Amino acid sequence: MDIVFIKQLQVDTIIGVYDWEKSILQRLLLDLALTADQRTAAARDDISLTLDYAVIAEKVTTLITAEPIELIETVAERVAEMLLTEFATSKVEVTVSKPGAVANAQSVGVHIVRTAPVTTPPQDYA
């Protein structure tokens, strides 16, 4: 399978558990990897047959900025769920980094891997 990816998508949003964090914008950086067969899109040179980076970035940004969230783990889960639901992908990897969250670290974050549920076709008992 092929992987379509977006690295270091910057999203400024209200994120955090402390009171002072709930009144300011903080930057999150997201790395996204979506597994999907890209052979047909490549052969036909047709964007409608692939995962559109611009659309993905816009939907992820809209999701994260729609309401305040406390945990970056929640951000990662919501993004993974949306990607698996709204795009033709069987597996996603989502990394959410929060630069400056810990004084002596460049960044902190979480990395998750989620797969689409396997659907079983209905059996014919006739």
N, C-alpha and C. Protein backbone atom coordinates (compact mmCIF):
# COMPACT_ATOMS: atom_id res chain seq x y z
N MET A 1 0.84 -1.19 0.00
CA MET A 1 0.00 0.00 0.00
C MET A 1 0.88 1.25 0.00
N ASP A 2 0.30 2.30 -0.47
CA ASP A 2 0.99 3.57 -0.57
C ASP A 2 0.61 4.45 0.61
N ILE A 3 1.42 5.45 0.86
CA ILE A 3 1.15 6.38 1.96
C ILE A 3 1.16 7.81 1.44
N VAL A 4 0.07 8.50 1.68
CA VAL A 4 -0.03 9.93 1.40
C VAL A 4 0.20 10.62 2.75
N PHE A 5 1.09 11.62 2.77
CA PHE A 5 1.40 12.22 4.06
C PHE A 5 1.41 13.74 4.02
N ILE A 6 1.20 14.31 5.19
CA ILE A 6 1.34 15.74 5.42
C ILE A 6 2.24 15.86 6.65
N LYS A 7 3.30 16.64 6.54
CA LYS A 7 4.24 16.83 7.65
C LYS A 7 4.12 18.24 8.20
N GLN A 8 4.10 18.32 9.52
CA GLN A 8 4.16 19.58 10.24
C GLN A 8 3.04 20.56 9.87
N LEU A 9 1.82 20.04 9.77
CA LEU A 9 0.65 20.90 9.58
C LEU A 9 0.50 21.75 10.85
N GLN A 10 0.54 23.06 10.70
CA GLN A 10 0.46 23.97 11.85
C GLN A 10 -0.99 24.38 12.08
N VAL A 11 -1.44 24.17 13.32
CA VAL A 11 -2.80 24.56 13.70
C VAL A 11 -2.71 25.32 15.02
N ASP A 12 -3.16 26.56 15.00
CA ASP A 12 -3.22 27.37 16.21
C ASP A 12 -4.62 27.25 16.79
N THR A 13 -4.69 26.79 18.04
CA THR A 13 -5.98 26.49 18.66
C THR A 13 -5.90 26.63 20.17
N ILE A 14 -7.03 26.56 20.81
CA ILE A 14 -7.07 26.54 22.28
C ILE A 14 -6.93 25.08 22.70
N ILE A 15 -5.83 24.80 23.40
CA ILE A 15 -5.52 23.44 23.81
C ILE A 15 -4.84 23.47 25.18
N GLY A 16 -5.30 22.65 26.08
CA GLY A 16 -4.62 22.55 27.36
C GLY A 16 -5.55 22.31 28.51
N VAL A 17 -4.98 21.87 29.63
CA VAL A 17 -5.76 21.55 30.82
C VAL A 17 -5.72 22.66 31.87
N TYR A 18 -4.75 23.54 31.77
CA TYR A 18 -4.61 24.60 32.77
C TYR A 18 -5.46 25.81 32.39
N ASP A 19 -5.92 26.53 33.40
CA ASP A 19 -6.78 27.69 33.16
C ASP A 19 -6.15 28.70 32.23
N TRP A 20 -4.85 28.97 32.40
CA TRP A 20 -4.19 29.97 31.57
C TRP A 20 -4.14 29.53 30.10
N GLU A 21 -4.16 28.23 29.85
CA GLU A 21 -4.12 27.73 28.48
C GLU A 21 -5.47 27.88 27.77
N LYS A 22 -6.52 28.00 28.55
CA LYS A 22 -7.87 28.03 27.97
C LYS A 22 -8.26 29.40 27.43
N SER A 23 -7.34 30.35 27.51
CA SER A 23 -7.64 31.69 27.01
C SER A 23 -6.64 32.17 25.95
N ILE A 24 -5.75 31.26 25.50
CA ILE A 24 -4.76 31.65 24.50
C ILE A 24 -4.72 30.61 23.38
N LEU A 25 -4.23 31.04 22.25
CA LEU A 25 -3.98 30.11 21.15
C LEU A 25 -2.59 29.51 21.31
N GLN A 26 -2.50 28.21 21.11
CA GLN A 26 -1.21 27.54 21.11
C GLN A 26 -1.07 26.75 19.81
N ARG A 27 0.15 26.61 19.39
CA ARG A 27 0.40 25.91 18.12
C ARG A 27 0.56 24.41 18.34
N LEU A 28 -0.13 23.65 17.51
CA LEU A 28 0.06 22.21 17.41
C LEU A 28 0.67 21.93 16.05
N LEU A 29 1.52 20.92 15.98
CA LEU A 29 2.09 20.46 14.72
C LEU A 29 1.64 19.02 14.51
N LEU A 30 1.09 18.75 13.34
CA LEU A 30 0.57 17.42 13.06
C LEU A 30 1.29 16.79 11.88
N ASP A 31 1.63 15.53 12.04
CA ASP A 31 2.11 14.70 10.94
C ASP A 31 1.04 13.66 10.69
N LEU A 32 0.62 13.56 9.45
CA LEU A 32 -0.45 12.64 9.07
C LEU A 32 0.05 11.70 7.99
N ALA A 33 -0.28 10.42 8.12
CA ALA A 33 0.03 9.44 7.08
C ALA A 33 -1.22 8.61 6.84
N LEU A 34 -1.67 8.59 5.60
CA LEU A 34 -2.88 7.86 5.22
C LEU A 34 -2.51 6.78 4.22
N THR A 35 -2.89 5.55 4.52
CA THR A 35 -2.58 4.42 3.65
C THR A 35 -3.71 4.25 2.63
N ALA A 36 -3.33 4.27 1.36
CA ALA A 36 -4.32 4.10 0.29
C ALA A 36 -3.58 3.77 -1.01
N ASP A 37 -4.16 2.92 -1.80
CA ASP A 37 -3.57 2.56 -3.09
C ASP A 37 -3.67 3.76 -4.04
N GLN A 38 -2.53 4.21 -4.52
CA GLN A 38 -2.48 5.40 -5.37
C GLN A 38 -2.21 5.09 -6.84
N ARG A 39 -2.20 3.82 -7.22
CA ARG A 39 -1.85 3.45 -8.59
C ARG A 39 -2.82 4.00 -9.64
N THR A 40 -4.11 3.91 -9.37
CA THR A 40 -5.09 4.39 -10.35
C THR A 40 -4.98 5.90 -10.52
N ALA A 41 -4.87 6.63 -9.43
CA ALA A 41 -4.74 8.10 -9.50
C ALA A 41 -3.49 8.47 -10.27
N ALA A 42 -2.39 7.77 -10.02
CA ALA A 42 -1.14 8.07 -10.72
C ALA A 42 -1.24 7.74 -12.21
N ALA A 43 -1.83 6.60 -12.52
CA ALA A 43 -1.95 6.19 -13.92
C ALA A 43 -2.81 7.15 -14.73
N ARG A 44 -3.86 7.65 -14.09
CA ARG A 44 -4.78 8.56 -14.79
C ARG A 44 -4.45 10.03 -14.58
N ASP A 45 -3.49 10.32 -13.68
CA ASP A 45 -3.10 11.69 -13.37
C ASP A 45 -4.33 12.52 -12.99
N ASP A 46 -5.13 11.95 -12.06
CA ASP A 46 -6.44 12.53 -11.73
C ASP A 46 -6.56 12.74 -10.22
N ILE A 47 -6.63 13.99 -9.81
CA ILE A 47 -6.70 14.32 -8.38
C ILE A 47 -7.97 13.78 -7.72
N SER A 48 -9.02 13.60 -8.48
CA SER A 48 -10.26 13.09 -7.89
C SER A 48 -10.14 11.63 -7.46
N LEU A 49 -9.08 10.96 -7.88
CA LEU A 49 -8.88 9.56 -7.54
C LEU A 49 -7.85 9.36 -6.42
N THR A 50 -7.40 10.46 -5.84
CA THR A 50 -6.39 10.37 -4.78
C THR A 50 -6.88 11.08 -3.53
N LEU A 51 -6.04 11.12 -2.53
CA LEU A 51 -6.34 11.85 -1.29
C LEU A 51 -5.80 13.27 -1.47
N ASP A 52 -6.67 14.24 -1.48
CA ASP A 52 -6.31 15.63 -1.74
C ASP A 52 -5.73 16.27 -0.48
N TYR A 53 -4.44 16.59 -0.51
CA TYR A 53 -3.75 17.15 0.66
C TYR A 53 -4.44 18.41 1.17
N ALA A 54 -4.84 19.28 0.26
CA ALA A 54 -5.46 20.54 0.67
C ALA A 54 -6.77 20.31 1.41
N VAL A 55 -7.57 19.39 0.92
CA VAL A 55 -8.85 19.08 1.57
C VAL A 55 -8.60 18.45 2.94
N ILE A 56 -7.65 17.54 3.01
CA ILE A 56 -7.32 16.90 4.29
C ILE A 56 -6.87 17.96 5.30
N ALA A 57 -5.96 18.82 4.90
CA ALA A 57 -5.44 19.86 5.81
C ALA A 57 -6.55 20.78 6.29
N GLU A 58 -7.43 21.16 5.40
CA GLU A 58 -8.53 22.05 5.76
C GLU A 58 -9.48 21.38 6.76
N LYS A 59 -9.84 20.13 6.50
CA LYS A 59 -10.78 19.42 7.39
C LYS A 59 -10.15 19.17 8.77
N VAL A 60 -8.88 18.85 8.81
CA VAL A 60 -8.20 18.62 10.08
C VAL A 60 -8.15 19.93 10.87
N THR A 61 -7.78 21.01 10.22
CA THR A 61 -7.72 22.31 10.89
C THR A 61 -9.08 22.71 11.43
N THR A 62 -10.12 22.57 10.62
CA THR A 62 -11.48 22.90 11.05
C THR A 62 -11.90 22.07 12.26
N LEU A 63 -11.59 20.78 12.24
CA LEU A 63 -11.94 19.90 13.34
C LEU A 63 -11.26 20.33 14.65
N ILE A 64 -9.98 20.62 14.56
CA ILE A 64 -9.21 20.94 15.77
C ILE A 64 -9.59 22.30 16.34
N THR A 65 -9.96 23.23 15.49
CA THR A 65 -10.26 24.59 15.96
C THR A 65 -11.74 24.81 16.27
N ALA A 66 -12.57 23.81 16.07
CA ALA A 66 -14.02 23.97 16.26
C ALA A 66 -14.40 24.26 17.70
N GLU A 67 -13.64 23.68 18.63
CA GLU A 67 -13.93 23.89 20.05
C GLU A 67 -12.66 23.63 20.85
N PRO A 68 -12.55 24.23 22.03
CA PRO A 68 -11.38 23.96 22.87
C PRO A 68 -11.29 22.48 23.24
N ILE A 69 -10.06 21.98 23.26
CA ILE A 69 -9.79 20.60 23.64
C ILE A 69 -8.71 20.64 24.71
N GLU A 70 -8.78 19.74 25.67
CA GLU A 70 -7.78 19.74 26.73
C GLU A 70 -6.54 18.91 26.39
N LEU A 71 -6.73 17.73 25.83
CA LEU A 71 -5.62 16.80 25.63
C LEU A 71 -5.23 16.63 24.17
N ILE A 72 -3.93 16.55 23.92
CA ILE A 72 -3.49 16.27 22.55
C ILE A 72 -3.87 14.84 22.16
N GLU A 73 -4.04 13.96 23.14
CA GLU A 73 -4.52 12.60 22.86
C GLU A 73 -5.92 12.64 22.24
N THR A 74 -6.74 13.55 22.74
CA THR A 74 -8.09 13.72 22.19
C THR A 74 -8.01 14.24 20.76
N VAL A 75 -7.12 15.19 20.53
CA VAL A 75 -6.92 15.71 19.18
C VAL A 75 -6.55 14.57 18.24
N ALA A 76 -5.59 13.77 18.62
CA ALA A 76 -5.13 12.67 17.77
C ALA A 76 -6.26 11.68 17.46
N GLU A 77 -7.04 11.31 18.48
CA GLU A 77 -8.14 10.36 18.26
C GLU A 77 -9.21 10.94 17.34
N ARG A 78 -9.57 12.20 17.55
CA ARG A 78 -10.60 12.81 16.71
C ARG A 78 -10.14 12.93 15.27
N VAL A 79 -8.89 13.29 15.08
CA VAL A 79 -8.36 13.41 13.71
C VAL A 79 -8.33 12.05 13.04
N ALA A 80 -7.85 11.03 13.75
CA ALA A 80 -7.80 9.68 13.16
C ALA A 80 -9.19 9.19 12.78
N GLU A 81 -10.14 9.39 13.67
CA GLU A 81 -11.51 8.95 13.39
C GLU A 81 -12.09 9.66 12.17
N MET A 82 -11.87 10.96 12.08
CA MET A 82 -12.39 11.72 10.94
C MET A 82 -11.74 11.26 9.63
N LEU A 83 -10.42 11.06 9.65
CA LEU A 83 -9.72 10.64 8.43
C LEU A 83 -10.22 9.27 7.97
N LEU A 84 -10.40 8.34 8.90
CA LEU A 84 -10.87 7.01 8.52
C LEU A 84 -12.32 7.02 8.04
N THR A 85 -13.10 7.96 8.55
CA THR A 85 -14.52 8.04 8.18
C THR A 85 -14.73 8.76 6.86
N GLU A 86 -13.99 9.83 6.64
CA GLU A 86 -14.28 10.71 5.51
C GLU A 86 -13.39 10.52 4.28
N PHE A 87 -12.33 9.74 4.41
CA PHE A 87 -11.41 9.57 3.29
C PHE A 87 -11.20 8.09 3.01
N ALA A 88 -10.85 7.78 1.77
CA ALA A 88 -10.65 6.40 1.34
C ALA A 88 -9.28 5.91 1.80
N THR A 89 -9.18 5.64 3.09
CA THR A 89 -7.94 5.15 3.67
C THR A 89 -8.24 4.00 4.61
N SER A 90 -7.35 3.04 4.66
CA SER A 90 -7.56 1.88 5.52
C SER A 90 -6.78 1.98 6.83
N LYS A 91 -5.79 2.87 6.86
CA LYS A 91 -4.95 3.03 8.05
C LYS A 91 -4.45 4.46 8.10
N VAL A 92 -4.41 5.01 9.32
CA VAL A 92 -3.86 6.36 9.49
C VAL A 92 -2.87 6.36 10.65
N GLU A 93 -1.88 7.21 10.50
CA GLU A 93 -0.96 7.49 11.59
C GLU A 93 -1.05 8.99 11.84
N VAL A 94 -1.24 9.35 13.09
CA VAL A 94 -1.40 10.75 13.47
C VAL A 94 -0.41 11.05 14.58
N THR A 95 0.43 12.03 14.35
CA THR A 95 1.35 12.52 15.37
C THR A 95 0.95 13.95 15.68
N VAL A 96 0.72 14.25 16.95
CA VAL A 96 0.38 15.60 17.39
C VAL A 96 1.49 16.04 18.33
N SER A 97 2.16 17.14 17.98
CA SER A 97 3.22 17.70 18.80
C SER A 97 2.79 19.05 19.33
N LYS A 98 3.21 19.34 20.56
CA LYS A 98 2.90 20.62 21.19
C LYS A 98 4.23 21.26 21.62
N PRO A 99 4.80 22.08 20.71
CA PRO A 99 6.09 22.70 21.02
C PRO A 99 5.98 23.64 22.24
N GLY A 100 7.02 23.62 23.04
CA GLY A 100 7.07 24.54 24.17
C GLY A 100 6.24 24.13 25.37
N ALA A 101 5.60 22.99 25.34
CA ALA A 101 4.74 22.58 26.46
C ALA A 101 5.56 22.23 27.70
N VAL A 102 6.76 21.73 27.50
CA VAL A 102 7.66 21.41 28.60
C VAL A 102 8.91 22.26 28.42
N ALA A 103 9.27 22.98 29.46
CA ALA A 103 10.33 23.98 29.37
C ALA A 103 11.64 23.46 28.79
N ASN A 104 12.06 22.28 29.16
CA ASN A 104 13.37 21.78 28.72
C ASN A 104 13.28 20.84 27.52
N ALA A 105 12.15 20.83 26.85
CA ALA A 105 11.98 19.96 25.68
C ALA A 105 11.56 20.81 24.47
N GLN A 106 12.05 20.44 23.32
CA GLN A 106 11.64 21.13 22.10
C GLN A 106 10.16 20.96 21.87
N SER A 107 9.66 19.75 22.13
CA SER A 107 8.25 19.46 21.90
C SER A 107 7.87 18.22 22.67
N VAL A 108 6.57 18.07 22.90
CA VAL A 108 6.01 16.83 23.45
C VAL A 108 4.88 16.41 22.51
N GLY A 109 4.47 15.17 22.61
CA GLY A 109 3.39 14.77 21.72
C GLY A 109 2.94 13.35 21.89
N VAL A 110 2.11 12.96 20.96
CA VAL A 110 1.55 11.61 20.94
C VAL A 110 1.49 11.14 19.49
N HIS A 111 1.72 9.86 19.29
CA HIS A 111 1.65 9.25 17.96
C HIS A 111 0.72 8.05 18.07
N ILE A 112 -0.32 8.03 17.23
CA ILE A 112 -1.25 6.90 17.24
C ILE A 112 -1.37 6.31 15.85
N VAL A 113 -1.73 5.05 15.80
CA VAL A 113 -1.98 4.32 14.55
C VAL A 113 -3.37 3.70 14.68
N ARG A 114 -4.23 3.96 13.72
CA ARG A 114 -5.58 3.41 13.74
C ARG A 114 -5.91 2.83 12.36
N THR A 115 -6.70 1.77 12.36
CA THR A 115 -7.12 1.15 11.10
C THR A 115 -8.64 1.17 11.01
N ALA A 116 -9.10 1.17 9.77
CA ALA A 116 -10.54 1.14 9.54
C ALA A 116 -11.07 -0.25 9.93
N PRO A 117 -12.28 -0.29 10.47
CA PRO A 117 -12.84 -1.60 10.81
C PRO A 117 -13.02 -2.44 9.55
N VAL A 118 -12.76 -3.70 9.69
CA VAL A 118 -12.94 -4.63 8.56
C VAL A 118 -14.42 -4.95 8.47
N THR A 119 -14.97 -4.74 7.29
CA THR A 119 -16.39 -5.04 7.11
C THR A 119 -16.53 -6.40 6.44
N THR A 120 -17.39 -7.20 6.97
CA THR A 120 -17.65 -8.52 6.42
C THR A 120 -18.87 -8.45 5.54
N PRO A 121 -18.73 -8.89 4.31
CA PRO A 121 -19.91 -8.87 3.44
C PRO A 121 -20.99 -9.81 3.97
N PRO A 122 -22.23 -9.47 3.74
CA PRO A 122 -23.32 -10.35 4.21
C PRO A 122 -23.22 -11.72 3.54
N GLN A 123 -23.52 -12.73 4.31
CA GLN A 123 -23.47 -14.09 3.75
C GLN A 123 -24.83 -14.46 3.18
N ASP A 124 -24.76 -15.21 2.10
CA ASP A 124 -25.98 -15.69 1.47
C ASP A 124 -26.27 -17.09 1.99
N TYR A 125 -27.34 -17.21 2.77
CA TYR A 125 -27.70 -18.50 3.37
C TYR A 125 -28.74 -19.24 2.54
N ALA A 126 -29.01 -18.79 1.35
CA ALA A 126 -30.02 -19.44 0.54
C ALA A 126 -29.59 -20.76 0.01
